[in-house]
């Protein structure tokens, strides 16, 4: 099992910045990818950004955040961060840290979520 705990959610004004962090614990060696998804009220959960935990460090971003958000990780500390800049009201939602087990397609482990609210 892997446990994921997010932190850093807050309320900020549009145009501002925010940094989210996720601490992973447990059997992190079985996790090949880690990243962030978000869900806005009344909308489906969507990809924000993910990063591979192998040497490739392959990164994927959702189209709506490309150029504004940056994902990074510290493998030694088992943390992943999301730097969010030029925030828009549509970035409002609950941000979830997620982990994908090696050999699986879907993300299996999820944090409890952290609320991000962007006001105009």
N, C-alpha and C. Protein backbone atom coordinates (compact mmCIF):
# COMPACT_ATOMS: atom_id res chain seq x y z
N UNK A 1 0.83 -1.20 0.00
CA UNK A 1 0.00 0.00 0.00
C UNK A 1 0.86 1.25 0.00
N UNK A 2 0.33 2.28 -0.59
CA UNK A 2 0.98 3.58 -0.61
C UNK A 2 0.01 4.60 -0.04
N UNK A 3 0.52 5.47 0.81
CA UNK A 3 -0.30 6.54 1.36
C UNK A 3 0.19 7.87 0.79
N UNK A 4 -0.77 8.72 0.44
CA UNK A 4 -0.46 10.02 -0.15
C UNK A 4 -1.16 11.12 0.64
N UNK A 5 -0.40 12.13 1.02
CA UNK A 5 -0.97 13.22 1.81
C UNK A 5 -0.61 14.54 1.15
N UNK A 6 -1.64 15.29 0.75
CA UNK A 6 -1.44 16.58 0.09
C UNK A 6 -1.42 17.71 1.11
N UNK A 7 -0.80 18.80 0.70
CA UNK A 7 -0.81 20.02 1.50
C UNK A 7 -0.61 21.20 0.57
N UNK A 8 -0.98 22.37 1.06
CA UNK A 8 -0.72 23.60 0.31
C UNK A 8 -1.92 24.26 -0.31
N UNK A 9 -3.08 23.60 -0.26
CA UNK A 9 -4.26 24.23 -0.83
C UNK A 9 -4.60 25.53 -0.11
N UNK A 10 -5.14 26.48 -0.88
CA UNK A 10 -5.44 27.79 -0.28
C UNK A 10 -6.38 28.55 -1.21
N UNK A 11 -6.76 29.73 -0.76
CA UNK A 11 -7.56 30.64 -1.58
C UNK A 11 -6.68 31.80 -2.01
N UNK A 12 -6.58 32.01 -3.31
CA UNK A 12 -5.76 33.11 -3.83
C UNK A 12 -6.51 33.81 -4.94
N UNK A 13 -6.03 34.99 -5.29
CA UNK A 13 -6.66 35.74 -6.38
C UNK A 13 -6.13 35.29 -7.72
N UNK A 14 -6.94 35.50 -8.73
CA UNK A 14 -6.52 35.18 -10.09
C UNK A 14 -5.24 35.93 -10.43
N UNK A 15 -4.36 35.22 -11.13
CA UNK A 15 -3.07 35.78 -11.48
C UNK A 15 -1.99 35.44 -10.49
N UNK A 16 -2.39 34.91 -9.35
CA UNK A 16 -1.44 34.59 -8.31
C UNK A 16 -0.81 33.22 -8.49
N UNK A 17 -0.07 32.80 -7.48
CA UNK A 17 0.66 31.53 -7.53
C UNK A 17 0.38 30.73 -6.26
N UNK A 18 0.59 29.45 -6.39
CA UNK A 18 0.39 28.54 -5.26
C UNK A 18 1.23 27.31 -5.50
N UNK A 19 1.69 26.71 -4.41
CA UNK A 19 2.48 25.48 -4.53
C UNK A 19 1.84 24.39 -3.68
N UNK A 20 1.58 23.27 -4.31
CA UNK A 20 1.05 22.10 -3.62
C UNK A 20 2.16 21.08 -3.43
N UNK A 21 2.05 20.34 -2.34
CA UNK A 21 3.01 19.28 -2.07
C UNK A 21 2.28 18.00 -1.72
N UNK A 22 2.91 16.89 -2.02
CA UNK A 22 2.34 15.58 -1.70
C UNK A 22 3.46 14.71 -1.11
N UNK A 23 3.17 14.15 0.04
CA UNK A 23 4.12 13.25 0.69
C UNK A 23 3.64 11.82 0.52
N UNK A 24 4.49 10.98 -0.05
CA UNK A 24 4.16 9.57 -0.23
C UNK A 24 4.86 8.74 0.84
N UNK A 25 4.19 7.70 1.29
CA UNK A 25 4.78 6.79 2.27
C UNK A 25 4.27 5.39 2.01
N UNK A 26 4.87 4.43 2.67
CA UNK A 26 4.49 3.03 2.46
C UNK A 26 5.37 2.40 1.41
N UNK A 27 4.78 1.53 0.59
CA UNK A 27 5.53 0.79 -0.41
C UNK A 27 5.74 1.63 -1.67
N UNK A 28 6.45 2.72 -1.52
CA UNK A 28 6.63 3.65 -2.64
C UNK A 28 7.45 3.04 -3.77
N UNK A 29 8.20 2.00 -3.49
CA UNK A 29 8.98 1.34 -4.53
C UNK A 29 8.10 0.69 -5.59
N UNK A 30 6.83 0.45 -5.23
CA UNK A 30 5.90 -0.18 -6.17
C UNK A 30 5.16 0.85 -7.02
N UNK A 31 5.49 2.12 -6.83
CA UNK A 31 4.82 3.19 -7.54
C UNK A 31 5.69 3.71 -8.67
N UNK A 32 5.20 3.65 -9.90
CA UNK A 32 6.00 4.06 -11.06
C UNK A 32 5.72 5.49 -11.52
N UNK A 33 4.52 5.97 -11.26
CA UNK A 33 4.18 7.35 -11.63
C UNK A 33 3.43 7.99 -10.49
N UNK A 34 3.61 9.29 -10.37
CA UNK A 34 2.89 10.04 -9.34
C UNK A 34 2.52 11.40 -9.92
N UNK A 35 1.44 11.94 -9.46
CA UNK A 35 1.06 13.24 -10.02
C UNK A 35 -0.17 13.82 -9.39
N UNK A 36 -0.78 14.72 -10.16
CA UNK A 36 -1.91 15.49 -9.66
C UNK A 36 -3.09 15.43 -10.62
N UNK A 37 -4.26 15.25 -10.04
CA UNK A 37 -5.53 15.37 -10.74
C UNK A 37 -6.35 16.40 -9.97
N UNK A 38 -7.36 16.93 -10.64
CA UNK A 38 -8.22 17.88 -9.95
C UNK A 38 -9.67 17.65 -10.36
N UNK A 39 -10.56 18.10 -9.49
CA UNK A 39 -11.98 18.00 -9.79
C UNK A 39 -12.66 19.29 -9.36
N UNK A 40 -13.31 19.92 -10.31
CA UNK A 40 -14.07 21.13 -10.04
C UNK A 40 -15.52 20.73 -9.76
N UNK A 41 -16.26 21.56 -9.05
CA UNK A 41 -17.66 21.25 -8.77
C UNK A 41 -18.45 20.99 -10.04
N UNK A 42 -19.14 19.86 -10.07
CA UNK A 42 -19.98 19.53 -11.22
C UNK A 42 -19.23 19.04 -12.43
N UNK A 43 -17.93 18.85 -12.30
CA UNK A 43 -17.13 18.39 -13.44
C UNK A 43 -16.42 17.09 -13.11
N UNK A 44 -15.98 16.43 -14.15
CA UNK A 44 -15.25 15.19 -13.95
C UNK A 44 -13.80 15.49 -13.54
N UNK A 45 -13.22 14.53 -12.90
CA UNK A 45 -11.82 14.67 -12.50
C UNK A 45 -10.95 14.71 -13.75
N UNK A 46 -9.92 15.56 -13.75
CA UNK A 46 -9.07 15.71 -14.92
C UNK A 46 -7.60 15.70 -14.55
N UNK A 47 -6.81 15.31 -15.51
CA UNK A 47 -5.36 15.28 -15.32
C UNK A 47 -4.82 16.69 -15.20
N UNK A 48 -3.93 16.89 -14.22
CA UNK A 48 -3.20 18.13 -14.11
C UNK A 48 -1.76 17.91 -14.57
N UNK A 49 -1.07 17.00 -13.90
CA UNK A 49 0.31 16.70 -14.27
C UNK A 49 0.75 15.42 -13.59
N UNK A 50 1.56 14.63 -14.29
CA UNK A 50 2.14 13.44 -13.70
C UNK A 50 3.62 13.37 -14.08
N UNK A 51 4.37 12.62 -13.27
CA UNK A 51 5.79 12.47 -13.50
C UNK A 51 6.21 11.04 -13.19
N UNK A 52 7.06 10.49 -14.02
CA UNK A 52 7.55 9.13 -13.81
C UNK A 52 8.62 9.13 -12.72
N UNK A 53 8.63 8.06 -11.95
CA UNK A 53 9.59 7.96 -10.86
C UNK A 53 10.87 7.25 -11.27
N UNK A 54 10.94 6.84 -12.55
CA UNK A 54 12.18 6.21 -13.01
C UNK A 54 13.12 7.29 -13.52
N UNK A 55 14.26 6.85 -14.09
CA UNK A 55 15.28 7.81 -14.53
C UNK A 55 14.82 8.71 -15.66
N UNK A 56 13.76 8.31 -16.35
CA UNK A 56 13.29 9.15 -17.45
C UNK A 56 12.65 10.44 -16.93
N UNK A 57 12.00 10.34 -15.77
CA UNK A 57 11.31 11.51 -15.24
C UNK A 57 10.30 12.07 -16.21
N UNK A 58 9.69 11.19 -17.02
CA UNK A 58 8.75 11.63 -18.05
C UNK A 58 7.59 12.39 -17.42
N UNK A 59 7.25 13.53 -18.00
CA UNK A 59 6.20 14.41 -17.46
C UNK A 59 5.07 14.58 -18.46
N UNK A 60 3.86 14.56 -17.94
CA UNK A 60 2.67 14.85 -18.75
C UNK A 60 1.88 15.98 -18.08
N UNK A 61 1.38 16.89 -18.87
CA UNK A 61 0.54 17.98 -18.37
C UNK A 61 -0.80 17.96 -19.06
N UNK A 62 -1.83 18.32 -18.31
CA UNK A 62 -3.11 18.55 -18.93
C UNK A 62 -3.04 19.80 -19.80
N UNK A 63 -3.81 19.83 -20.87
CA UNK A 63 -3.74 20.93 -21.82
C UNK A 63 -4.02 22.28 -21.15
N UNK A 64 -4.91 22.29 -20.19
CA UNK A 64 -5.33 23.56 -19.60
C UNK A 64 -4.28 24.18 -18.67
N UNK A 65 -3.25 23.42 -18.32
CA UNK A 65 -2.25 23.96 -17.38
C UNK A 65 -0.87 24.09 -17.99
N UNK A 66 -0.72 23.64 -19.23
CA UNK A 66 0.59 23.70 -19.87
C UNK A 66 1.10 25.14 -19.91
N UNK A 67 2.36 25.30 -19.54
CA UNK A 67 2.96 26.62 -19.55
C UNK A 67 2.72 27.42 -18.28
N UNK A 68 1.84 26.96 -17.43
CA UNK A 68 1.54 27.67 -16.18
C UNK A 68 1.92 26.86 -14.94
N UNK A 69 1.79 25.55 -15.02
CA UNK A 69 2.06 24.68 -13.89
C UNK A 69 3.35 23.90 -14.14
N UNK A 70 4.06 23.60 -13.06
CA UNK A 70 5.28 22.81 -13.15
C UNK A 70 5.27 21.75 -12.06
N UNK A 71 5.45 20.49 -12.48
CA UNK A 71 5.52 19.40 -11.52
C UNK A 71 6.98 19.03 -11.30
N UNK A 72 7.31 18.67 -10.08
CA UNK A 72 8.67 18.23 -9.77
C UNK A 72 8.59 17.21 -8.64
N UNK A 73 9.68 16.48 -8.45
CA UNK A 73 9.68 15.48 -7.38
C UNK A 73 11.04 15.39 -6.73
N UNK A 74 11.03 14.91 -5.51
CA UNK A 74 12.25 14.60 -4.77
C UNK A 74 12.14 13.13 -4.40
N UNK A 75 12.82 12.28 -5.15
CA UNK A 75 12.69 10.84 -4.92
C UNK A 75 13.22 10.43 -3.56
N UNK A 76 14.25 11.09 -3.10
CA UNK A 76 14.83 10.75 -1.80
C UNK A 76 13.84 11.01 -0.67
N UNK A 77 13.04 12.05 -0.83
CA UNK A 77 12.07 12.41 0.20
C UNK A 77 10.68 11.87 -0.10
N UNK A 78 10.51 11.26 -1.27
CA UNK A 78 9.20 10.75 -1.68
C UNK A 78 8.14 11.84 -1.70
N UNK A 79 8.52 12.96 -2.25
CA UNK A 79 7.57 14.06 -2.36
C UNK A 79 7.42 14.47 -3.82
N UNK A 80 6.27 15.00 -4.13
CA UNK A 80 6.02 15.58 -5.44
C UNK A 80 5.34 16.92 -5.22
N UNK A 81 5.74 17.90 -6.01
CA UNK A 81 5.22 19.25 -5.84
C UNK A 81 4.60 19.74 -7.14
N UNK A 82 3.71 20.68 -7.00
CA UNK A 82 3.07 21.30 -8.15
C UNK A 82 3.12 22.80 -7.96
N UNK A 83 3.92 23.46 -8.77
CA UNK A 83 4.02 24.91 -8.76
C UNK A 83 3.01 25.45 -9.75
N UNK A 84 2.09 26.27 -9.24
CA UNK A 84 1.02 26.78 -10.08
C UNK A 84 1.14 28.29 -10.20
N UNK A 85 1.28 28.78 -11.40
CA UNK A 85 1.40 30.21 -11.66
C UNK A 85 0.28 30.70 -12.58
N UNK A 86 0.13 32.01 -12.62
CA UNK A 86 -0.90 32.62 -13.48
C UNK A 86 -2.25 31.93 -13.29
N UNK A 87 -2.62 31.76 -12.05
CA UNK A 87 -3.84 31.02 -11.72
C UNK A 87 -5.08 31.72 -12.25
N UNK A 88 -6.02 30.89 -12.68
CA UNK A 88 -7.29 31.37 -13.22
C UNK A 88 -8.43 30.86 -12.34
N UNK A 89 -9.57 31.51 -12.45
CA UNK A 89 -10.72 31.06 -11.65
C UNK A 89 -11.09 29.62 -11.99
N UNK A 90 -10.88 29.23 -13.23
CA UNK A 90 -11.20 27.87 -13.64
C UNK A 90 -10.23 26.81 -13.09
N UNK A 91 -9.20 27.25 -12.42
CA UNK A 91 -8.30 26.31 -11.74
C UNK A 91 -8.85 25.88 -10.38
N UNK A 92 -9.94 26.48 -9.99
CA UNK A 92 -10.57 26.13 -8.71
C UNK A 92 -11.00 24.68 -8.69
N UNK A 93 -10.73 24.01 -7.59
CA UNK A 93 -11.17 22.64 -7.45
C UNK A 93 -10.42 21.94 -6.33
N UNK A 94 -10.73 20.68 -6.18
CA UNK A 94 -9.99 19.85 -5.23
C UNK A 94 -8.88 19.15 -5.99
N UNK A 95 -7.67 19.30 -5.50
CA UNK A 95 -6.50 18.73 -6.14
C UNK A 95 -6.09 17.46 -5.40
N UNK A 96 -5.97 16.39 -6.15
CA UNK A 96 -5.65 15.09 -5.57
C UNK A 96 -4.26 14.64 -6.02
N UNK A 97 -3.51 14.15 -5.09
CA UNK A 97 -2.26 13.48 -5.41
C UNK A 97 -2.61 12.03 -5.73
N UNK A 98 -1.99 11.49 -6.78
CA UNK A 98 -2.33 10.13 -7.21
C UNK A 98 -1.07 9.37 -7.56
N UNK A 99 -1.12 8.06 -7.33
CA UNK A 99 0.01 7.21 -7.65
C UNK A 99 -0.41 6.02 -8.48
N UNK A 100 0.43 5.65 -9.43
CA UNK A 100 0.15 4.49 -10.28
C UNK A 100 1.11 3.36 -9.96
N UNK A 101 0.54 2.22 -9.68
CA UNK A 101 1.35 1.02 -9.42
C UNK A 101 2.03 0.58 -10.71
N UNK A 102 3.28 0.17 -10.59
CA UNK A 102 4.02 -0.35 -11.75
C UNK A 102 3.26 -1.50 -12.37
N UNK A 103 3.15 -1.51 -13.68
CA UNK A 103 2.48 -2.59 -14.38
C UNK A 103 0.98 -2.40 -14.52
N UNK A 104 0.45 -1.38 -13.90
CA UNK A 104 -0.98 -1.11 -14.01
C UNK A 104 -1.21 0.12 -14.88
N UNK A 105 -2.41 0.25 -15.38
CA UNK A 105 -2.74 1.38 -16.26
C UNK A 105 -3.33 2.53 -15.45
N UNK A 106 -4.25 2.20 -14.57
CA UNK A 106 -4.95 3.25 -13.82
C UNK A 106 -4.18 3.65 -12.57
N UNK A 107 -4.46 4.88 -12.13
CA UNK A 107 -3.92 5.35 -10.87
C UNK A 107 -4.73 4.73 -9.73
N UNK A 108 -4.00 4.11 -8.82
CA UNK A 108 -4.64 3.29 -7.80
C UNK A 108 -4.70 3.97 -6.43
N UNK A 109 -3.67 4.73 -6.14
CA UNK A 109 -3.61 5.35 -4.82
C UNK A 109 -3.93 6.84 -4.91
N UNK A 110 -4.74 7.30 -3.97
CA UNK A 110 -5.19 8.68 -3.99
C UNK A 110 -5.09 9.30 -2.61
N UNK A 111 -4.73 10.58 -2.58
CA UNK A 111 -4.77 11.32 -1.34
C UNK A 111 -6.18 11.79 -1.05
N UNK A 112 -6.32 12.50 0.06
CA UNK A 112 -7.65 12.95 0.46
C UNK A 112 -8.06 14.22 -0.27
N UNK A 113 -7.12 14.87 -0.91
CA UNK A 113 -7.42 16.08 -1.67
C UNK A 113 -7.16 17.34 -0.88
N UNK A 114 -6.83 18.40 -1.60
CA UNK A 114 -6.64 19.71 -0.97
C UNK A 114 -7.35 20.75 -1.85
N UNK A 115 -8.08 21.64 -1.19
CA UNK A 115 -8.91 22.61 -1.90
C UNK A 115 -8.09 23.80 -2.39
N UNK A 116 -8.27 24.12 -3.66
CA UNK A 116 -7.68 25.32 -4.25
C UNK A 116 -8.82 26.19 -4.76
N UNK A 117 -8.88 27.42 -4.29
CA UNK A 117 -9.94 28.33 -4.70
C UNK A 117 -9.31 29.59 -5.27
N UNK A 118 -9.67 29.90 -6.50
CA UNK A 118 -9.14 31.09 -7.16
C UNK A 118 -10.28 32.09 -7.35
N UNK A 119 -10.10 33.26 -6.82
CA UNK A 119 -11.15 34.29 -6.90
C UNK A 119 -10.74 35.37 -7.90
N UNK A 120 -11.75 35.97 -8.49
CA UNK A 120 -11.48 37.01 -9.50
C UNK A 120 -11.31 38.37 -8.87
